[in-house]
Amino acid sequence: MSTKISDQDQKWLDMVDELSKEGVSIAKRSSMESAEYVDLLLSNFDDKNYCQMVINQHAVEAAIGQYFADVIAPFFFDMQKVLRKKTKMSKSNAETCARIHVGRFIRNITKELNKRNGEE
């Protein structure tokens, strides 16, 4: 089964691909901050109050991160393979579509965390 992508759809996919560069930049900054935070946690490991605060604030986020690593990240690559094989989509377009799925996952997680924390 081959999927014909219209010119308008291709423009949309190209725009998503271009804007993804900003997302990569945000992710890199976030990753650096996360590493710094873990260093801070390790340097305060003997402070029981600090550790309790970290547990209370971050246990749910840590579980989400683990789920992302175990399930969503592999699915990102599987989705690309399926799209390329079943629809004959280009590698670039398949990656863009998989990125949209991951982005939507992150958006939904953010909404749920904001709701949980009363920030909506």
PDB file of N, CA and C in Angstrom:
ATOM      1  N   MET A   1       0.841  -1.178   0.000  1.00  0.00           N
ATOM      2  CA  MET A   1       0.000   0.000   0.000  1.00  0.00           C
ATOM      3  C   MET A   1       0.886   1.241   0.000  1.00  0.00           C
ATOM      4  N   SER A   2       0.726   2.065  -0.965  1.00  0.00           N
ATOM      5  CA  SER A   2       1.489   3.297  -1.060  1.00  0.00           C
ATOM      6  C   SER A   2       0.569   4.476  -0.764  1.00  0.00           C
ATOM      7  N   THR A   3       1.078   5.381   0.034  1.00  0.00           N
ATOM      8  CA  THR A   3       0.290   6.561   0.392  1.00  0.00           C
ATOM      9  C   THR A   3       0.790   7.744  -0.410  1.00  0.00           C
ATOM     10  N   LYS A   4      -0.086   8.349  -1.159  1.00  0.00           N
ATOM     11  CA  LYS A   4       0.260   9.540  -1.939  1.00  0.00           C
ATOM     12  C   LYS A   4       0.145  10.749  -1.020  1.00  0.00           C
ATOM     13  N   ILE A   5       1.214  11.471  -0.905  1.00  0.00           N
ATOM     14  CA  ILE A   5       1.234  12.679  -0.079  1.00  0.00           C
ATOM     15  C   ILE A   5       1.070  13.871  -1.002  1.00  0.00           C
ATOM     16  N   SER A   6       0.063  14.674  -0.712  1.00  0.00           N
ATOM     17  CA  SER A   6      -0.194  15.849  -1.546  1.00  0.00           C
ATOM     18  C   SER A   6       0.907  16.884  -1.338  1.00  0.00           C
ATOM     19  N   ASP A   7       0.988  17.834  -2.254  1.00  0.00           N
ATOM     20  CA  ASP A   7       1.970  18.914  -2.129  1.00  0.00           C
ATOM     21  C   ASP A   7       1.760  19.682  -0.832  1.00  0.00           C
ATOM     22  N   GLN A   8       0.496  19.931  -0.478  1.00  0.00           N
ATOM     23  CA  GLN A   8       0.196  20.659   0.758  1.00  0.00           C
ATOM     24  C   GLN A   8       0.629  19.858   1.987  1.00  0.00           C
ATOM     25  N   ASP A   9       0.374  18.552   1.954  1.00  0.00           N
ATOM     26  CA  ASP A   9       0.809  17.697   3.062  1.00  0.00           C
ATOM     27  C   ASP A   9       2.332  17.707   3.183  1.00  0.00           C
ATOM     28  N   GLN A  10       3.015  17.679   2.041  1.00  0.00           N
ATOM     29  CA  GLN A  10       4.470  17.688   2.069  1.00  0.00           C
ATOM     30  C   GLN A  10       4.989  19.001   2.644  1.00  0.00           C
ATOM     31  N   LYS A  11       4.358  20.119   2.288  1.00  0.00           N
ATOM     32  CA  LYS A  11       4.757  21.415   2.861  1.00  0.00           C
ATOM     33  C   LYS A  11       4.588  21.393   4.372  1.00  0.00           C
ATOM     34  N   TRP A  12       3.469  20.805   4.825  1.00  0.00           N
ATOM     35  CA  TRP A  12       3.203  20.720   6.250  1.00  0.00           C
ATOM     36  C   TRP A  12       4.261  19.855   6.945  1.00  0.00           C
ATOM     37  N   LEU A  13       4.581  18.706   6.365  1.00  0.00           N
ATOM     38  CA  LEU A  13       5.600  17.832   6.936  1.00  0.00           C
ATOM     39  C   LEU A  13       6.966  18.511   6.953  1.00  0.00           C
ATOM     40  N   ASP A  14       7.288  19.245   5.899  1.00  0.00           N
ATOM     41  CA  ASP A  14       8.557  19.974   5.851  1.00  0.00           C
ATOM     42  C   ASP A  14       8.615  21.043   6.939  1.00  0.00           C
ATOM     43  N   MET A  15       7.486  21.718   7.175  1.00  0.00           N
ATOM     44  CA  MET A  15       7.444  22.749   8.204  1.00  0.00           C
ATOM     45  C   MET A  15       7.629  22.121   9.592  1.00  0.00           C
ATOM     46  N   VAL A  16       6.979  20.986   9.828  1.00  0.00           N
ATOM     47  CA  VAL A  16       7.152  20.280  11.099  1.00  0.00           C
ATOM     48  C   VAL A  16       8.614  19.894  11.271  1.00  0.00           C
ATOM     49  N   ASP A  17       9.221  19.389  10.216  1.00  0.00           N
ATOM     50  CA  ASP A  17      10.623  18.986  10.261  1.00  0.00           C
ATOM     51  C   ASP A  17      11.520  20.174  10.595  1.00  0.00           C
ATOM     52  N   GLU A  18      11.267  21.307   9.984  1.00  0.00           N
ATOM     53  CA  GLU A  18      12.072  22.509  10.237  1.00  0.00           C
ATOM     54  C   GLU A  18      11.897  22.999  11.676  1.00  0.00           C
ATOM     55  N   LEU A  19      10.658  23.050  12.148  1.00  0.00           N
ATOM     56  CA  LEU A  19      10.400  23.507  13.515  1.00  0.00           C
ATOM     57  C   LEU A  19      10.940  22.535  14.557  1.00  0.00           C
ATOM     58  N   SER A  20      11.156  21.297  14.164  1.00  0.00           N
ATOM     59  CA  SER A  20      11.688  20.302  15.087  1.00  0.00           C
ATOM     60  C   SER A  20      13.078  20.684  15.584  1.00  0.00           C
ATOM     61  N   LYS A  21      13.800  21.469  14.813  1.00  0.00           N
ATOM     62  CA  LYS A  21      15.135  21.915  15.234  1.00  0.00           C
ATOM     63  C   LYS A  21      15.052  22.703  16.530  1.00  0.00           C
ATOM     64  N   GLU A  22      14.004  23.513  16.684  1.00  0.00           N
ATOM     65  CA  GLU A  22      13.801  24.252  17.929  1.00  0.00           C
ATOM     66  C   GLU A  22      13.536  23.270  19.075  1.00  0.00           C
ATOM     67  N   GLY A  23      12.755  22.237  18.794  1.00  0.00           N
ATOM     68  CA  GLY A  23      12.477  21.220  19.807  1.00  0.00           C
ATOM     69  C   GLY A  23      13.739  20.507  20.263  1.00  0.00           C
ATOM     70  N   VAL A  24      14.633  20.210  19.337  1.00  0.00           N
ATOM     71  CA  VAL A  24      15.900  19.562  19.684  1.00  0.00           C
ATOM     72  C   VAL A  24      16.717  20.477  20.589  1.00  0.00           C
ATOM     73  N   SER A  25      16.733  21.761  20.293  1.00  0.00           N
ATOM     74  CA  SER A  25      17.462  22.726  21.112  1.00  0.00           C
ATOM     75  C   SER A  25      16.900  22.765  22.539  1.00  0.00           C
ATOM     76  N   ILE A  26      15.582  22.789  22.664  1.00  0.00           N
ATOM     77  CA  ILE A  26      14.940  22.780  23.982  1.00  0.00           C
ATOM     78  C   ILE A  26      15.293  21.495  24.729  1.00  0.00           C
ATOM     79  N   ALA A  27      15.247  20.365  24.029  1.00  0.00           N
ATOM     80  CA  ALA A  27      15.552  19.078  24.655  1.00  0.00           C
ATOM     81  C   ALA A  27      16.997  19.036  25.154  1.00  0.00           C
ATOM     82  N   LYS A  28      17.927  19.583  24.383  1.00  0.00           N
ATOM     83  CA  LYS A  28      19.333  19.595  24.805  1.00  0.00           C
ATOM     84  C   LYS A  28      19.514  20.424  26.064  1.00  0.00           C
ATOM     85  N   ARG A  29      18.887  21.602  26.113  1.00  0.00           N
ATOM     86  CA  ARG A  29      18.983  22.445  27.313  1.00  0.00           C
ATOM     87  C   ARG A  29      18.367  21.729  28.518  1.00  0.00           C
ATOM     88  N   SER A  30      17.241  21.086  28.301  1.00  0.00           N
ATOM     89  CA  SER A  30      16.563  20.368  29.382  1.00  0.00           C
ATOM     90  C   SER A  30      17.410  19.205  29.881  1.00  0.00           C
ATOM     91  N   SER A  31      18.077  18.530  28.978  1.00  0.00           N
ATOM     92  CA  SER A  31      18.925  17.408  29.350  1.00  0.00           C
ATOM     93  C   SER A  31      20.101  17.878  30.203  1.00  0.00           C
ATOM     94  N   MET A  32      20.693  18.999  29.835  1.00  0.00           N
ATOM     95  CA  MET A  32      21.812  19.540  30.613  1.00  0.00           C
ATOM     96  C   MET A  32      21.346  19.908  32.020  1.00  0.00           C
ATOM     97  N   GLU A  33      20.168  20.543  32.127  1.00  0.00           N
ATOM     98  CA  GLU A  33      19.639  20.919  33.439  1.00  0.00           C
ATOM     99  C   GLU A  33      19.369  19.677  34.269  1.00  0.00           C
ATOM    100  N   SER A  34      18.865  18.637  33.653  1.00  0.00           N
ATOM    101  CA  SER A  34      18.570  17.391  34.365  1.00  0.00           C
ATOM    102  C   SER A  34      19.845  16.774  34.937  1.00  0.00           C
ATOM    103  N   ALA A  35      20.904  16.787  34.166  1.00  0.00           N
ATOM    104  CA  ALA A  35      22.184  16.246  34.637  1.00  0.00           C
ATOM    105  C   ALA A  35      22.707  17.068  35.816  1.00  0.00           C
ATOM    106  N   GLU A  36      22.583  18.386  35.732  1.00  0.00           N
ATOM    107  CA  GLU A  36      23.002  19.248  36.841  1.00  0.00           C
ATOM    108  C   GLU A  36      22.164  18.966  38.084  1.00  0.00           C
ATOM    109  N   TYR A  37      20.883  18.723  37.901  1.00  0.00           N
ATOM    110  CA  TYR A  37      19.986  18.440  39.020  1.00  0.00           C
ATOM    111  C   TYR A  37      20.375  17.133  39.708  1.00  0.00           C
ATOM    112  N   VAL A  38      20.725  16.118  38.935  1.00  0.00           N
ATOM    113  CA  VAL A  38      21.154  14.842  39.522  1.00  0.00           C
ATOM    114  C   VAL A  38      22.442  15.040  40.308  1.00  0.00           C
ATOM    115  N   ASP A  39      23.361  15.846  39.789  1.00  0.00           N
ATOM    116  CA  ASP A  39      24.584  16.158  40.540  1.00  0.00           C
ATOM    117  C   ASP A  39      24.240  16.807  41.874  1.00  0.00           C
ATOM    118  N   LEU A  40      23.287  17.740  41.866  1.00  0.00           N
ATOM    119  CA  LEU A  40      22.847  18.405  43.092  1.00  0.00           C
ATOM    120  C   LEU A  40      22.229  17.390  44.051  1.00  0.00           C
ATOM    121  N   LEU A  41      21.407  16.510  43.530  1.00  0.00           N
ATOM    122  CA  LEU A  41      20.792  15.472  44.363  1.00  0.00           C
ATOM    123  C   LEU A  41      21.862  14.606  45.016  1.00  0.00           C
ATOM    124  N   LEU A  42      22.824  14.169  44.247  1.00  0.00           N
ATOM    125  CA  LEU A  42      23.871  13.302  44.788  1.00  0.00           C
ATOM    126  C   LEU A  42      24.705  14.015  45.844  1.00  0.00           C
ATOM    127  N   SER A  43      24.924  15.315  45.666  1.00  0.00           N
ATOM    128  CA  SER A  43      25.707  16.062  46.656  1.00  0.00           C
ATOM    129  C   SER A  43      24.910  16.321  47.935  1.00  0.00           C
ATOM    130  N   ASN A  44      23.587  16.173  47.887  1.00  0.00           N
ATOM    131  CA  ASN A  44      22.737  16.371  49.066  1.00  0.00           C
ATOM    132  C   ASN A  44      22.098  15.067  49.540  1.00  0.00           C
ATOM    133  N   PHE A  45      22.673  13.962  49.161  1.00  0.00           N
ATOM    134  CA  PHE A  45      22.067  12.659  49.441  1.00  0.00           C
ATOM    135  C   PHE A  45      21.923  12.378  50.936  1.00  0.00           C
ATOM    136  N   ASP A  46      22.796  12.942  51.761  1.00  0.00           N
ATOM    137  CA  ASP A  46      22.722  12.722  53.208  1.00  0.00           C
ATOM    138  C   ASP A  46      21.657  13.577  53.878  1.00  0.00           C
ATOM    139  N   ASP A  47      21.140  14.566  53.190  1.00  0.00           N
ATOM    140  CA  ASP A  47      20.104  15.452  53.737  1.00  0.00           C
ATOM    141  C   ASP A  47      18.740  14.794  53.526  1.00  0.00           C
ATOM    142  N   LYS A  48      18.203  14.208  54.590  1.00  0.00           N
ATOM    143  CA  LYS A  48      16.945  13.452  54.488  1.00  0.00           C
ATOM    144  C   LYS A  48      15.778  14.333  54.051  1.00  0.00           C
ATOM    145  N   ASN A  49      15.732  15.574  54.517  1.00  0.00           N
ATOM    146  CA  ASN A  49      14.649  16.483  54.110  1.00  0.00           C
ATOM    147  C   ASN A  49      14.715  16.767  52.615  1.00  0.00           C
ATOM    148  N   TYR A  50      15.923  16.976  52.121  1.00  0.00           N
ATOM    149  CA  TYR A  50      16.094  17.238  50.692  1.00  0.00           C
ATOM    150  C   TYR A  50      15.659  16.019  49.876  1.00  0.00           C
ATOM    151  N   CYS A  51      16.071  14.843  50.318  1.00  0.00           N
ATOM    152  CA  CYS A  51      15.705  13.615  49.598  1.00  0.00           C
ATOM    153  C   CYS A  51      14.196  13.401  49.605  1.00  0.00           C
ATOM    154  N   GLN A  52      13.537  13.684  50.735  1.00  0.00           N
ATOM    155  CA  GLN A  52      12.087  13.537  50.802  1.00  0.00           C
ATOM    156  C   GLN A  52      11.411  14.496  49.834  1.00  0.00           C
ATOM    157  N   MET A  53      11.911  15.731  49.748  1.00  0.00           N
ATOM    158  CA  MET A  53      11.363  16.721  48.820  1.00  0.00           C
ATOM    159  C   MET A  53      11.514  16.231  47.382  1.00  0.00           C
ATOM    160  N   VAL A  54      12.665  15.685  47.070  1.00  0.00           N
ATOM    161  CA  VAL A  54      12.911  15.177  45.717  1.00  0.00           C
ATOM    162  C   VAL A  54      11.957  14.026  45.406  1.00  0.00           C
ATOM    163  N   ILE A  55      11.794  13.127  46.352  1.00  0.00           N
ATOM    164  CA  ILE A  55      10.874  12.001  46.142  1.00  0.00           C
ATOM    165  C   ILE A  55       9.466  12.513  45.899  1.00  0.00           C
ATOM    166  N   ASN A  56       9.012  13.416  46.752  1.00  0.00           N
ATOM    167  CA  ASN A  56       7.653  13.948  46.618  1.00  0.00           C
ATOM    168  C   ASN A  56       7.447  14.659  45.289  1.00  0.00           C
ATOM    169  N   GLN A  57       8.453  15.369  44.822  1.00  0.00           N
ATOM    170  CA  GLN A  57       8.310  16.150  43.597  1.00  0.00           C
ATOM    171  C   GLN A  57       8.545  15.347  42.326  1.00  0.00           C
ATOM    172  N   HIS A  58       9.400  14.366  42.383  1.00  0.00           N
ATOM    173  CA  HIS A  58       9.894  13.796  41.133  1.00  0.00           C
ATOM    174  C   HIS A  58       9.651  12.311  40.906  1.00  0.00           C
ATOM    175  N   ALA A  59       9.038  11.613  41.850  1.00  0.00           N
ATOM    176  CA  ALA A  59       8.829  10.170  41.660  1.00  0.00           C
ATOM    177  C   ALA A  59       7.932   9.890  40.456  1.00  0.00           C
ATOM    178  N   VAL A  60       6.862  10.660  40.306  1.00  0.00           N
ATOM    179  CA  VAL A  60       5.952  10.459  39.173  1.00  0.00           C
ATOM    180  C   VAL A  60       6.668  10.774  37.864  1.00  0.00           C
ATOM    181  N   GLU A  61       7.421  11.892  37.846  1.00  0.00           N
ATOM    182  CA  GLU A  61       8.146  12.254  36.628  1.00  0.00           C
ATOM    183  C   GLU A  61       9.195  11.209  36.270  1.00  0.00           C
ATOM    184  N   ALA A  62       9.840  10.636  37.291  1.00  0.00           N
ATOM    185  CA  ALA A  62      10.843   9.600  37.036  1.00  0.00           C
ATOM    186  C   ALA A  62      10.195   8.373  36.393  1.00  0.00           C
ATOM    187  N   ALA A  63       9.013   8.005  36.873  1.00  0.00           N
ATOM    188  CA  ALA A  63       8.302   6.860  36.292  1.00  0.00           C
ATOM    189  C   ALA A  63       7.899   7.147  34.846  1.00  0.00           C
ATOM    190  N   ILE A  64       7.483   8.369  34.580  1.00  0.00           N
ATOM    191  CA  ILE A  64       7.138   8.754  33.204  1.00  0.00           C
ATOM    192  C   ILE A  64       8.377   8.669  32.315  1.00  0.00           C
ATOM    193  N   GLY A  65       9.498   9.152  32.829  1.00  0.00           N
ATOM    194  CA  GLY A  65      10.745   9.083  32.072  1.00  0.00           C
ATOM    195  C   GLY A  65      11.143   7.654  31.755  1.00  0.00           C
ATOM    196  N   GLN A  66      10.974   6.775  32.725  1.00  0.00           N
ATOM    197  CA  GLN A  66      11.297   5.365  32.503  1.00  0.00           C
ATOM    198  C   GLN A  66      10.368   4.756  31.457  1.00  0.00           C
ATOM    199  N   TYR A  67       9.082   5.090  31.524  1.00  0.00           N
ATOM    200  CA  TYR A  67       8.118   4.601  30.531  1.00  0.00           C
ATOM    201  C   TYR A  67       8.503   5.100  29.139  1.00  0.00           C
ATOM    202  N   PHE A  68       8.905   6.363  29.065  1.00  0.00           N
ATOM    203  CA  PHE A  68       9.331   6.926  27.787  1.00  0.00           C
ATOM    204  C   PHE A  68      10.500   6.126  27.218  1.00  0.00           C
ATOM    205  N   ALA A  69      11.501   5.878  28.065  1.00  0.00           N
ATOM    206  CA  ALA A  69      12.685   5.146  27.603  1.00  0.00           C
ATOM    207  C   ALA A  69      12.351   3.712  27.196  1.00  0.00           C
ATOM    208  N   ASP A  70      11.471   3.076  27.952  1.00  0.00           N
ATOM    209  CA  ASP A  70      11.145   1.670  27.696  1.00  0.00           C
ATOM    210  C   ASP A  70      10.163   1.465  26.546  1.00  0.00           C
ATOM    211  N   VAL A  71       9.200   2.371  26.399  1.00  0.00           N
ATOM    212  CA  VAL A  71       8.091   2.137  25.473  1.00  0.00           C
ATOM    213  C   VAL A  71       8.059   3.130  24.313  1.00  0.00           C
ATOM    214  N   ILE A  72       8.052   4.406  24.621  1.00  0.00           N
ATOM    215  CA  ILE A  72       7.844   5.417  23.581  1.00  0.00           C
ATOM    216  C   ILE A  72       9.053   5.525  22.651  1.00  0.00           C
ATOM    217  N   ALA A  73      10.254   5.540  23.204  1.00  0.00           N
ATOM    218  CA  ALA A  73      11.440   5.664  22.346  1.00  0.00           C
ATOM    219  C   ALA A  73      11.541   4.504  21.345  1.00  0.00           C
ATOM    220  N   PRO A  74      11.407   3.245  21.782  1.00  0.00           N
ATOM    221  CA  PRO A  74      11.435   2.163  20.784  1.00  0.00           C
ATOM    222  C   PRO A  74      10.286   2.261  19.774  1.00  0.00           C
ATOM    223  N   PHE A  75       9.108   2.686  20.252  1.00  0.00           N
ATOM    224  CA  PHE A  75       7.962   2.821  19.359  1.00  0.00           C
ATOM    225  C   PHE A  75       8.232   3.860  18.276  1.00  0.00           C
ATOM    226  N   PHE A  76       9.000   4.906  18.614  1.00  0.00           N
ATOM    227  CA  PHE A  76       9.380   5.948  17.659  1.00  0.00           C
ATOM    228  C   PHE A  76      10.058   5.319  16.439  1.00  0.00           C
ATOM    229  N   PHE A  77      10.969   4.401  16.684  1.00  0.00           N
ATOM    230  CA  PHE A  77      11.692   3.760  15.587  1.00  0.00           C
ATOM    231  C   PHE A  77      10.831   2.717  14.879  1.00  0.00           C
ATOM    232  N   ASP A  78      10.035   1.980  15.648  1.00  0.00           N
ATOM    233  CA  ASP A  78       9.139   0.995  15.037  1.00  0.00           C
ATOM    234  C   ASP A  78       8.127   1.666  14.117  1.00  0.00           C
ATOM    235  N   MET A  79       7.585   2.794  14.548  1.00  0.00           N
ATOM    236  CA  MET A  79       6.599   3.514  13.744  1.00  0.00           C
ATOM    237  C   MET A  79       7.206   3.925  12.405  1.00  0.00           C
ATOM    238  N   GLN A  80       8.446   4.392  12.428  1.00  0.00           N
ATOM    239  CA  GLN A  80       9.104   4.788  11.181  1.00  0.00           C
ATOM    240  C   GLN A  80       9.228   3.602  10.229  1.00  0.00           C
ATOM    241  N   LYS A  81       9.637   2.462  10.760  1.00  0.00           N
ATOM    242  CA  LYS A  81       9.781   1.262   9.922  1.00  0.00           C
ATOM    243  C   LYS A  81       8.453   0.869   9.292  1.00  0.00           C
ATOM    244  N   VAL A  82       7.398   0.878  10.110  1.00  0.00           N
ATOM    245  CA  VAL A  82       6.074   0.495   9.611  1.00  0.00           C
ATOM    246  C   VAL A  82       5.605   1.467   8.536  1.00  0.00           C
ATOM    247  N   LEU A  83       5.760   2.761   8.787  1.00  0.00           N
ATOM    248  CA  LEU A  83       5.335   3.759   7.797  1.00  0.00           C
ATOM    249  C   LEU A  83       6.098   3.604   6.489  1.00  0.00           C
ATOM    250  N   ARG A  84       7.389   3.355   6.588  1.00  0.00           N
ATOM    251  CA  ARG A  84       8.189   3.208   5.366  1.00  0.00           C
ATOM    252  C   ARG A  84       7.816   1.937   4.613  1.00  0.00           C
ATOM    253  N   LYS A  85       7.573   0.866   5.341  1.00  0.00           N
ATOM    254  CA  LYS A  85       7.280  -0.417   4.700  1.00  0.00           C
ATOM    255  C   LYS A  85       5.866  -0.460   4.130  1.00  0.00           C
ATOM    256  N   LYS A  86       4.889  -0.069   4.931  1.00  0.00           N
ATOM    257  CA  LYS A  86       3.493  -0.232   4.517  1.00  0.00           C
ATOM    258  C   LYS A  86       2.983   0.883   3.627  1.00  0.00           C
ATOM    259  N   THR A  87       3.528   2.067   3.769  1.00  0.00           N
ATOM    260  CA  THR A  87       3.009   3.188   2.974  1.00  0.00           C
ATOM    261  C   THR A  87       4.021   3.695   1.961  1.00  0.00           C
ATOM    262  N   LYS A  88       5.221   3.139   1.978  1.00  0.00           N
ATOM    263  CA  LYS A  88       6.293   3.576   1.070  1.00  0.00           C
ATOM    264  C   LYS A  88       6.635   5.056   1.280  1.00  0.00           C
ATOM    265  N   MET A  89       6.453   5.514   2.507  1.00  0.00           N
ATOM    266  CA  MET A  89       6.741   6.901   2.853  1.00  0.00           C
ATOM    267  C   MET A  89       8.257   7.100   2.894  1.00  0.00           C
ATOM    268  N   SER A  90       8.706   8.292   2.572  1.00  0.00           N
ATOM    269  CA  SER A  90      10.139   8.573   2.626  1.00  0.00           C
ATOM    270  C   SER A  90      10.628   8.497   4.073  1.00  0.00           C
ATOM    271  N   LYS A  91      11.917   8.281   4.219  1.00  0.00           N
ATOM    272  CA  LYS A  91      12.518   8.195   5.551  1.00  0.00           C
ATOM    273  C   LYS A  91      12.270   9.481   6.333  1.00  0.00           C
ATOM    274  N   SER A  92      12.461  10.602   5.691  1.00  0.00           N
ATOM    275  CA  SER A  92      12.272  11.899   6.345  1.00  0.00           C
ATOM    276  C   SER A  92      10.830  12.094   6.808  1.00  0.00           C
ATOM    277  N   ASN A  93       9.873  11.774   5.946  1.00  0.00           N
ATOM    278  CA  ASN A  93       8.464  11.937   6.316  1.00  0.00           C
ATOM    279  C   ASN A  93       8.053  10.964   7.419  1.00  0.00           C
ATOM    280  N   ALA A  94       8.569   9.750   7.377  1.00  0.00           N
ATOM    281  CA  ALA A  94       8.256   8.773   8.425  1.00  0.00           C
ATOM    282  C   ALA A  94       8.798   9.246   9.772  1.00  0.00           C
ATOM    283  N   GLU A  95      10.008   9.793   9.755  1.00  0.00           N
ATOM    284  CA  GLU A  95      10.590  10.318  10.993  1.00  0.00           C
ATOM    285  C   GLU A  95       9.771  11.497  11.511  1.00  0.00           C
ATOM    286  N   THR A  96       9.336  12.362  10.621  1.00  0.00           N
ATOM    287  CA  THR A  96       8.521  13.508  11.024  1.00  0.00           C
ATOM    288  C   THR A  96       7.208  13.047  11.644  1.00  0.00           C
ATOM    289  N   CYS A  97       6.555  12.072  11.049  1.00  0.00           N
ATOM    290  CA  CYS A  97       5.294  11.552  11.604  1.00  0.00           C
ATOM    291  C   CYS A  97       5.520  10.918  12.977  1.00  0.00           C
ATOM    292  N   ALA A  98       6.606  10.183  13.121  1.00  0.00           N
ATOM    293  CA  ALA A  98       6.915   9.578  14.420  1.00  0.00           C
ATOM    294  C   ALA A  98       7.206  10.663  15.455  1.00  0.00           C
ATOM    295  N   ARG A  99       7.876  11.726  15.034  1.00  0.00           N
ATOM    296  CA  ARG A  99       8.140  12.861  15.928  1.00  0.00           C
ATOM    297  C   ARG A  99       6.846  13.500  16.410  1.00  0.00           C
ATOM    298  N   ILE A 100       5.870  13.593  15.509  1.00  0.00           N
ATOM    299  CA  ILE A 100       4.573  14.168  15.882  1.00  0.00           C
ATOM    300  C   ILE A 100       3.942  13.320  16.986  1.00  0.00           C
ATOM    301  N   HIS A 101       4.029  12.003  16.846  1.00  0.00           N
ATOM    302  CA  HIS A 101       3.483  11.109  17.878  1.00  0.00           C
ATOM    303  C   HIS A 101       4.172  11.366  19.224  1.00  0.00           C
ATOM    304  N   VAL A 102       5.489  11.428  19.232  1.00  0.00           N
ATOM    305  CA  VAL A 102       6.235  11.644  20.471  1.00  0.00           C
ATOM    306  C   VAL A 102       5.913  13.023  21.049  1.00  0.00           C
ATOM    307  N   GLY A 103       5.843  14.019  20.190  1.00  0.00           N
ATOM    308  CA  GLY A 103       5.504  15.366  20.655  1.00  0.00           C
ATOM    309  C   GLY A 103       4.136  15.420  21.303  1.00  0.00           C
ATOM    310  N   ARG A 104       3.195  14.724  20.720  1.00  0.00           N
ATOM    311  CA  ARG A 104       1.842  14.685  21.283  1.00  0.00           C
ATOM    312  C   ARG A 104       1.853  13.964  22.632  1.00  0.00           C
ATOM    313  N   PHE A 105       2.639  12.905  22.736  1.00  0.00           N
ATOM    314  CA  PHE A 105       2.790  12.194  24.005  1.00  0.00           C
ATOM    315  C   PHE A 105       3.315  13.149  25.077  1.00  0.00           C
ATOM    316  N   ILE A 106       4.352  13.899  24.751  1.00  0.00           N
ATOM    317  CA  ILE A 106       4.933  14.836  25.715  1.00  0.00           C
ATOM    318  C   ILE A 106       3.927  15.920  26.082  1.00  0.00           C
ATOM    319  N   ARG A 107       3.192  16.414  25.101  1.00  0.00           N
ATOM    320  CA  ARG A 107       2.163  17.429  25.363  1.00  0.00           C
ATOM    321  C   ARG A 107       1.122  16.891  26.330  1.00  0.00           C
ATOM    322  N   ASN A 108       0.661  15.666  26.094  1.00  0.00           N
ATOM    323  CA  ASN A 108      -0.352  15.067  26.962  1.00  0.00           C
ATOM    324  C   ASN A 108       0.174  14.827  28.377  1.00  0.00           C
ATOM    325  N   ILE A 109       1.414  14.394  28.488  1.00  0.00           N
ATOM    326  CA  ILE A 109       2.032  14.202  29.804  1.00  0.00           C
ATOM    327  C   ILE A 109       2.122  15.538  30.530  1.00  0.00           C
ATOM    328  N   THR A 110       2.543  16.581  29.831  1.00  0.00           N
ATOM    329  CA  THR A 110       2.642  17.911  30.434  1.00  0.00           C
ATOM    330  C   THR A 110       1.289  18.365  30.963  1.00  0.00           C
ATOM    331  N   LYS A 111       0.247  18.169  30.170  1.00  0.00           N
ATOM    332  CA  LYS A 111      -1.104  18.539  30.613  1.00  0.00           C
ATOM    333  C   LYS A 111      -1.494  17.769  31.871  1.00  0.00           C
ATOM    334  N   GLU A 112      -1.227  16.475  31.885  1.00  0.00           N
ATOM    335  CA  GLU A 112      -1.570  15.656  33.050  1.00  0.00           C
ATOM    336  C   GLU A 112      -0.787  16.085  34.293  1.00  0.00           C
ATOM    337  N   LEU A 113       0.503  16.373  34.124  1.00  0.00           N
ATOM    338  CA  LEU A 113       1.306  16.812  35.267  1.00  0.00           C
ATOM    339  C   LEU A 113       0.848  18.176  35.770  1.00  0.00           C
ATOM    340  N   ASN A 114       0.526  19.072  34.851  1.00  0.00           N
ATOM    341  CA  ASN A 114       0.018  20.381  35.267  1.00  0.00           C
ATOM    342  C   ASN A 114      -1.289  20.233  36.031  1.00  0.00           C
ATOM    343  N   LYS A 115      -2.154  19.351  35.556  1.00  0.00           N
ATOM    344  CA  LYS A 115      -3.430  19.101  36.238  1.00  0.00           C
ATOM    345  C   LYS A 115      -3.167  18.528  37.632  1.00  0.00           C
ATOM    346  N   ARG A 116      -2.243  17.583  37.706  1.00  0.00           N
ATOM    347  CA  ARG A 116      -1.902  16.945  38.984  1.00  0.00           C
ATOM    348  C   ARG A 116      -1.350  17.963  39.973  1.00  0.00           C
ATOM    349  N   ASN A 117      -0.570  18.894  39.471  1.00  0.00           N
ATOM    350  CA  ASN A 117       0.059  19.903  40.327  1.00  0.00           C
ATOM    351  C   ASN A 117      -0.791  21.159  40.477  1.00  0.00           C
ATOM    352  N   GLY A 118      -1.989  21.141  39.919  1.00  0.00           N
ATOM    353  CA  GLY A 118      -2.892  22.285  40.034  1.00  0.00           C
ATOM    354  C   GLY A 118      -2.436  23.510  39.277  1.00  0.00           C
ATOM    355  N   GLU A 119      -1.744  23.307  38.158  1.00  0.00           N
ATOM    356  CA  GLU A 119      -1.185  24.421  37.387  1.00  0.00           C
ATOM    357  C   GLU A 119      -1.937  24.685  36.095  1.00  0.00           C
ATOM    358  N   GLU A 120      -3.058  24.035  35.893  1.00  0.00           N
ATOM    359  CA  GLU A 120      -3.745  24.169  34.601  1.00  0.00           C
ATOM    360  C   GLU A 120      -4.495  25.433  34.449  1.00  0.00           C
TER     361      GLU A 120
END
